[in-house]
């Protein structure tokens, strides 16, 4: 089980870093999604910074600072709970699988640092 959680942690870090880069670049799919869930485009760089910080924290946790990985996982959980709630509030369900998927990956990563390691 630890190997599965480790793999999920690496995937979570890479996925969040990739999504942060797409947000910084103002990729069309990011702009469309944020508009659909009523998140202002001006907020995207701040949200991208949170995702990137979480990804970096997970990676630093993997290389020897597990408490930082745990803290980053907790922060990303809060972030993606907010993202899921934004989708529900806006009644945008056709792509809710993405924030839910990110949330599940983040939960797995946090479990890895919380005791599965």
N, C-alpha and C. Protein backbone atom coordinates (compact mmCIF):
# COMPACT_ATOMS: atom_id res chain seq x y z
N UNK A 1 0.81 -1.20 0.00
CA UNK A 1 0.00 0.00 0.00
C UNK A 1 0.86 1.26 0.00
N UNK A 2 1.98 1.22 0.67
CA UNK A 2 2.86 2.39 0.72
C UNK A 2 3.33 2.77 -0.67
N UNK A 3 3.61 1.79 -1.51
CA UNK A 3 4.05 2.08 -2.88
C UNK A 3 2.96 2.79 -3.66
N UNK A 4 1.73 2.36 -3.49
CA UNK A 4 0.60 3.00 -4.18
C UNK A 4 0.48 4.45 -3.73
N UNK A 5 0.59 4.68 -2.42
CA UNK A 5 0.50 6.04 -1.90
C UNK A 5 1.67 6.90 -2.37
N UNK A 6 2.85 6.31 -2.46
CA UNK A 6 4.02 7.04 -2.97
C UNK A 6 3.80 7.46 -4.42
N UNK A 7 3.31 6.54 -5.22
CA UNK A 7 3.04 6.84 -6.63
C UNK A 7 1.97 7.93 -6.73
N UNK A 8 0.92 7.83 -5.92
CA UNK A 8 -0.14 8.85 -5.92
C UNK A 8 0.42 10.20 -5.51
N UNK A 9 1.37 10.22 -4.59
CA UNK A 9 1.99 11.48 -4.15
C UNK A 9 2.78 12.12 -5.28
N UNK A 10 3.55 11.33 -5.99
CA UNK A 10 4.32 11.86 -7.12
C UNK A 10 3.39 12.36 -8.21
N UNK A 11 2.36 11.59 -8.52
CA UNK A 11 1.38 12.01 -9.54
C UNK A 11 0.70 13.30 -9.10
N UNK A 12 0.35 13.39 -7.82
CA UNK A 12 -0.30 14.59 -7.29
C UNK A 12 0.60 15.81 -7.46
N UNK A 13 1.87 15.68 -7.12
CA UNK A 13 2.80 16.80 -7.25
C UNK A 13 2.95 17.23 -8.71
N UNK A 14 3.12 16.27 -9.59
CA UNK A 14 3.28 16.58 -11.02
C UNK A 14 2.00 17.20 -11.58
N UNK A 15 0.86 16.65 -11.22
CA UNK A 15 -0.42 17.18 -11.73
C UNK A 15 -0.66 18.61 -11.26
N UNK A 16 -0.37 18.88 -9.99
CA UNK A 16 -0.56 20.23 -9.48
C UNK A 16 0.41 21.22 -10.09
N UNK A 17 1.66 20.81 -10.27
CA UNK A 17 2.63 21.70 -10.91
C UNK A 17 2.23 21.98 -12.35
N UNK A 18 1.78 20.95 -13.05
CA UNK A 18 1.35 21.13 -14.44
C UNK A 18 0.15 22.06 -14.53
N UNK A 19 -0.80 21.87 -13.64
CA UNK A 19 -1.99 22.72 -13.65
C UNK A 19 -1.64 24.16 -13.28
N UNK A 20 -0.68 24.33 -12.39
CA UNK A 20 -0.24 25.68 -12.03
C UNK A 20 0.39 26.38 -13.23
N UNK A 21 1.22 25.65 -13.98
CA UNK A 21 1.83 26.23 -15.18
C UNK A 21 0.76 26.62 -16.19
N UNK A 22 -0.24 25.77 -16.37
CA UNK A 22 -1.34 26.09 -17.29
C UNK A 22 -2.10 27.33 -16.82
N UNK A 23 -2.26 27.46 -15.51
CA UNK A 23 -2.94 28.64 -14.97
C UNK A 23 -2.12 29.90 -15.18
N UNK A 24 -0.81 29.82 -14.92
CA UNK A 24 0.05 30.98 -15.15
C UNK A 24 0.03 31.39 -16.62
N UNK A 25 -0.02 30.40 -17.50
CA UNK A 25 -0.01 30.66 -18.95
C UNK A 25 -1.39 31.09 -19.46
N UNK A 26 -2.38 31.06 -18.57
CA UNK A 26 -3.75 31.42 -18.95
C UNK A 26 -4.24 30.57 -20.12
N UNK A 27 -4.03 29.28 -19.98
CA UNK A 27 -4.48 28.33 -21.01
C UNK A 27 -5.99 28.49 -21.20
N UNK A 28 -6.45 28.34 -22.43
CA UNK A 28 -7.88 28.53 -22.70
C UNK A 28 -8.79 27.66 -21.83
N UNK A 29 -8.41 26.42 -21.57
CA UNK A 29 -9.28 25.57 -20.76
C UNK A 29 -9.36 26.06 -19.33
N UNK A 30 -8.28 26.65 -18.82
CA UNK A 30 -8.29 27.20 -17.46
C UNK A 30 -9.20 28.43 -17.40
N UNK A 31 -9.06 29.32 -18.37
CA UNK A 31 -9.90 30.52 -18.41
C UNK A 31 -11.37 30.16 -18.54
N UNK A 32 -11.68 29.18 -19.40
CA UNK A 32 -13.07 28.78 -19.60
C UNK A 32 -13.65 28.18 -18.32
N UNK A 33 -12.88 27.32 -17.67
CA UNK A 33 -13.36 26.69 -16.45
C UNK A 33 -13.55 27.71 -15.33
N UNK A 34 -12.60 28.61 -15.17
CA UNK A 34 -12.73 29.59 -14.09
C UNK A 34 -13.93 30.50 -14.33
N UNK A 35 -14.17 30.88 -15.58
CA UNK A 35 -15.34 31.70 -15.89
C UNK A 35 -16.63 30.94 -15.60
N UNK A 36 -16.63 29.66 -15.92
CA UNK A 36 -17.82 28.85 -15.73
C UNK A 36 -18.19 28.71 -14.25
N UNK A 37 -17.18 28.60 -13.39
CA UNK A 37 -17.46 28.46 -11.95
C UNK A 37 -17.39 29.80 -11.23
N UNK A 38 -17.32 30.88 -12.00
CA UNK A 38 -17.36 32.26 -11.48
C UNK A 38 -16.18 32.60 -10.58
N UNK A 39 -15.00 32.16 -10.98
CA UNK A 39 -13.77 32.57 -10.32
C UNK A 39 -13.13 33.60 -11.24
N UNK A 40 -12.86 34.80 -10.74
CA UNK A 40 -12.30 35.84 -11.60
C UNK A 40 -10.93 35.45 -12.16
N UNK A 41 -10.70 35.79 -13.40
CA UNK A 41 -9.41 35.48 -14.04
C UNK A 41 -8.25 36.13 -13.28
N UNK A 42 -8.51 37.24 -12.63
CA UNK A 42 -7.46 37.92 -11.85
C UNK A 42 -6.99 37.07 -10.67
N UNK A 43 -7.80 36.11 -10.24
CA UNK A 43 -7.43 35.25 -9.11
C UNK A 43 -6.53 34.09 -9.54
N UNK A 44 -6.45 33.81 -10.84
CA UNK A 44 -5.72 32.64 -11.32
C UNK A 44 -4.25 32.60 -10.90
N UNK A 45 -3.50 33.69 -10.99
CA UNK A 45 -2.09 33.60 -10.57
C UNK A 45 -1.95 33.24 -9.08
N UNK A 46 -2.85 33.73 -8.26
CA UNK A 46 -2.79 33.42 -6.83
C UNK A 46 -3.12 31.95 -6.57
N UNK A 47 -4.15 31.48 -7.25
CA UNK A 47 -4.52 30.07 -7.11
C UNK A 47 -3.42 29.16 -7.66
N UNK A 48 -2.80 29.57 -8.77
CA UNK A 48 -1.69 28.79 -9.33
C UNK A 48 -0.52 28.74 -8.36
N UNK A 49 -0.26 29.83 -7.69
CA UNK A 49 0.84 29.86 -6.71
C UNK A 49 0.56 28.90 -5.56
N UNK A 50 -0.69 28.83 -5.11
CA UNK A 50 -1.03 27.88 -4.06
C UNK A 50 -0.82 26.45 -4.51
N UNK A 51 -1.25 26.13 -5.74
CA UNK A 51 -1.06 24.77 -6.26
C UNK A 51 0.42 24.44 -6.42
N UNK A 52 1.18 25.39 -6.94
CA UNK A 52 2.61 25.15 -7.13
C UNK A 52 3.32 24.99 -5.79
N UNK A 53 2.96 25.81 -4.82
CA UNK A 53 3.56 25.68 -3.48
C UNK A 53 3.23 24.32 -2.88
N UNK A 54 2.00 23.85 -3.08
CA UNK A 54 1.62 22.53 -2.58
C UNK A 54 2.41 21.43 -3.26
N UNK A 55 2.61 21.54 -4.56
CA UNK A 55 3.38 20.53 -5.30
C UNK A 55 4.83 20.50 -4.84
N UNK A 56 5.42 21.67 -4.68
CA UNK A 56 6.81 21.75 -4.22
C UNK A 56 6.93 21.19 -2.81
N UNK A 57 5.96 21.51 -1.96
CA UNK A 57 5.97 20.99 -0.59
C UNK A 57 5.87 19.47 -0.56
N UNK A 58 5.05 18.89 -1.43
CA UNK A 58 4.98 17.43 -1.49
C UNK A 58 6.31 16.83 -1.90
N UNK A 59 6.96 17.44 -2.90
CA UNK A 59 8.25 16.91 -3.36
C UNK A 59 9.33 17.06 -2.29
N UNK A 60 9.33 18.18 -1.59
CA UNK A 60 10.31 18.35 -0.50
C UNK A 60 10.03 17.34 0.61
N UNK A 61 8.75 17.07 0.84
CA UNK A 61 8.39 16.04 1.82
C UNK A 61 8.93 14.67 1.45
N UNK A 62 8.94 14.38 0.15
CA UNK A 62 9.45 13.09 -0.31
C UNK A 62 10.95 12.96 -0.16
N UNK A 63 11.66 14.07 -0.21
CA UNK A 63 13.12 13.98 -0.14
C UNK A 63 13.67 14.21 1.26
N UNK A 64 12.80 14.22 2.27
CA UNK A 64 13.35 14.23 3.61
C UNK A 64 12.73 15.17 4.61
N UNK A 65 11.70 15.91 4.26
CA UNK A 65 11.04 16.79 5.22
C UNK A 65 9.56 16.42 5.26
N UNK A 66 9.25 15.26 5.85
CA UNK A 66 7.88 14.75 5.77
C UNK A 66 6.83 15.68 6.38
N UNK A 67 7.16 16.45 7.40
CA UNK A 67 6.17 17.35 7.98
C UNK A 67 5.73 18.41 6.97
N UNK A 68 6.64 18.81 6.07
CA UNK A 68 6.28 19.78 5.04
C UNK A 68 5.35 19.13 4.00
N UNK A 69 5.60 17.87 3.69
CA UNK A 69 4.70 17.14 2.80
C UNK A 69 3.32 17.02 3.39
N UNK A 70 3.25 16.75 4.69
CA UNK A 70 1.96 16.64 5.37
C UNK A 70 1.23 17.98 5.37
N UNK A 71 1.95 19.06 5.67
CA UNK A 71 1.34 20.39 5.67
C UNK A 71 0.87 20.78 4.27
N UNK A 72 1.66 20.46 3.27
CA UNK A 72 1.29 20.77 1.89
C UNK A 72 0.06 19.97 1.47
N UNK A 73 0.02 18.72 1.87
CA UNK A 73 -1.15 17.90 1.56
C UNK A 73 -2.40 18.45 2.20
N UNK A 74 -2.30 18.87 3.46
CA UNK A 74 -3.46 19.45 4.15
C UNK A 74 -3.93 20.72 3.45
N UNK A 75 -2.98 21.55 3.04
CA UNK A 75 -3.34 22.77 2.33
C UNK A 75 -4.01 22.49 0.99
N UNK A 76 -3.48 21.51 0.27
CA UNK A 76 -4.09 21.15 -1.02
C UNK A 76 -5.47 20.53 -0.85
N UNK A 77 -5.66 19.78 0.24
CA UNK A 77 -7.00 19.25 0.50
C UNK A 77 -7.99 20.40 0.65
N UNK A 78 -7.61 21.40 1.45
CA UNK A 78 -8.50 22.55 1.62
C UNK A 78 -8.76 23.24 0.29
N UNK A 79 -7.70 23.38 -0.52
CA UNK A 79 -7.83 24.02 -1.83
C UNK A 79 -8.85 23.28 -2.70
N UNK A 80 -8.73 21.96 -2.78
CA UNK A 80 -9.60 21.20 -3.68
C UNK A 80 -11.00 21.00 -3.12
N UNK A 81 -11.16 21.02 -1.81
CA UNK A 81 -12.52 21.05 -1.26
C UNK A 81 -13.19 22.35 -1.72
N UNK A 82 -12.44 23.45 -1.68
CA UNK A 82 -12.96 24.72 -2.18
C UNK A 82 -13.29 24.66 -3.66
N UNK A 83 -12.45 24.00 -4.44
CA UNK A 83 -12.71 23.88 -5.88
C UNK A 83 -13.97 23.06 -6.15
N UNK A 84 -14.15 21.98 -5.42
CA UNK A 84 -15.36 21.17 -5.58
C UNK A 84 -16.58 21.99 -5.19
N UNK A 85 -16.48 22.73 -4.09
CA UNK A 85 -17.60 23.56 -3.66
C UNK A 85 -17.91 24.66 -4.67
N UNK A 86 -16.88 25.21 -5.31
CA UNK A 86 -17.11 26.23 -6.34
C UNK A 86 -17.89 25.63 -7.52
N UNK A 87 -17.56 24.40 -7.88
CA UNK A 87 -18.30 23.72 -8.96
C UNK A 87 -19.76 23.48 -8.55
N UNK A 88 -19.95 23.02 -7.33
CA UNK A 88 -21.31 22.74 -6.85
C UNK A 88 -22.12 24.04 -6.77
N UNK A 89 -21.51 25.08 -6.21
CA UNK A 89 -22.19 26.37 -6.08
C UNK A 89 -22.64 26.90 -7.45
N UNK A 90 -21.78 26.74 -8.45
CA UNK A 90 -22.09 27.23 -9.80
C UNK A 90 -22.91 26.22 -10.61
N UNK A 91 -23.17 25.06 -10.01
CA UNK A 91 -23.90 23.98 -10.70
C UNK A 91 -23.20 23.55 -11.98
N UNK A 92 -21.89 23.45 -11.90
CA UNK A 92 -21.08 22.99 -13.04
C UNK A 92 -20.62 21.57 -12.70
N UNK A 93 -21.34 20.60 -13.22
CA UNK A 93 -21.07 19.21 -12.87
C UNK A 93 -20.41 18.42 -14.00
N UNK A 94 -20.40 18.97 -15.20
CA UNK A 94 -19.87 18.20 -16.33
C UNK A 94 -18.37 17.95 -16.23
N UNK A 95 -17.66 18.77 -15.46
CA UNK A 95 -16.22 18.55 -15.31
C UNK A 95 -15.79 18.52 -13.85
N UNK A 96 -16.72 18.20 -12.96
CA UNK A 96 -16.40 18.15 -11.54
C UNK A 96 -15.44 17.00 -11.21
N UNK A 97 -15.31 16.05 -12.13
CA UNK A 97 -14.40 14.93 -11.91
C UNK A 97 -12.95 15.40 -11.76
N UNK A 98 -12.61 16.51 -12.38
CA UNK A 98 -11.22 16.99 -12.28
C UNK A 98 -10.88 17.46 -10.88
N UNK A 99 -11.65 18.38 -10.26
CA UNK A 99 -11.28 18.74 -8.89
C UNK A 99 -11.45 17.58 -7.91
N UNK A 100 -12.43 16.71 -8.16
CA UNK A 100 -12.59 15.54 -7.29
C UNK A 100 -11.38 14.62 -7.43
N UNK A 101 -10.91 14.42 -8.65
CA UNK A 101 -9.71 13.58 -8.87
C UNK A 101 -8.48 14.16 -8.20
N UNK A 102 -8.30 15.47 -8.33
CA UNK A 102 -7.18 16.13 -7.65
C UNK A 102 -7.33 15.98 -6.14
N UNK A 103 -8.55 16.12 -5.63
CA UNK A 103 -8.78 15.98 -4.20
C UNK A 103 -8.42 14.57 -3.73
N UNK A 104 -8.82 13.56 -4.48
CA UNK A 104 -8.51 12.18 -4.08
C UNK A 104 -7.01 11.91 -4.11
N UNK A 105 -6.33 12.43 -5.13
CA UNK A 105 -4.86 12.28 -5.18
C UNK A 105 -4.22 12.96 -3.97
N UNK A 106 -4.73 14.12 -3.63
CA UNK A 106 -4.18 14.87 -2.50
C UNK A 106 -4.43 14.15 -1.18
N UNK A 107 -5.60 13.55 -1.04
CA UNK A 107 -5.87 12.77 0.17
C UNK A 107 -4.90 11.61 0.26
N UNK A 108 -4.65 10.92 -0.84
CA UNK A 108 -3.70 9.81 -0.84
C UNK A 108 -2.30 10.29 -0.45
N UNK A 109 -1.89 11.43 -1.00
CA UNK A 109 -0.56 11.98 -0.68
C UNK A 109 -0.48 12.33 0.82
N UNK A 110 -1.54 12.89 1.35
CA UNK A 110 -1.55 13.28 2.75
C UNK A 110 -1.51 12.05 3.65
N UNK A 111 -2.23 11.00 3.26
CA UNK A 111 -2.20 9.76 4.02
C UNK A 111 -0.79 9.18 4.02
N UNK A 112 -0.11 9.30 2.90
CA UNK A 112 1.27 8.81 2.80
C UNK A 112 2.14 9.48 3.86
N UNK A 113 2.02 10.79 3.98
CA UNK A 113 2.85 11.50 4.96
C UNK A 113 2.34 11.35 6.39
N UNK A 114 1.05 11.12 6.56
CA UNK A 114 0.46 11.02 7.89
C UNK A 114 0.77 9.70 8.59
N UNK A 115 1.11 8.68 7.83
CA UNK A 115 1.39 7.44 8.51
C UNK A 115 1.67 6.28 7.59
N UNK A 116 1.33 6.44 6.33
CA UNK A 116 1.56 5.37 5.39
C UNK A 116 3.00 5.26 4.94
N UNK A 117 3.81 6.21 5.33
CA UNK A 117 5.20 6.26 4.86
C UNK A 117 6.09 5.32 5.58
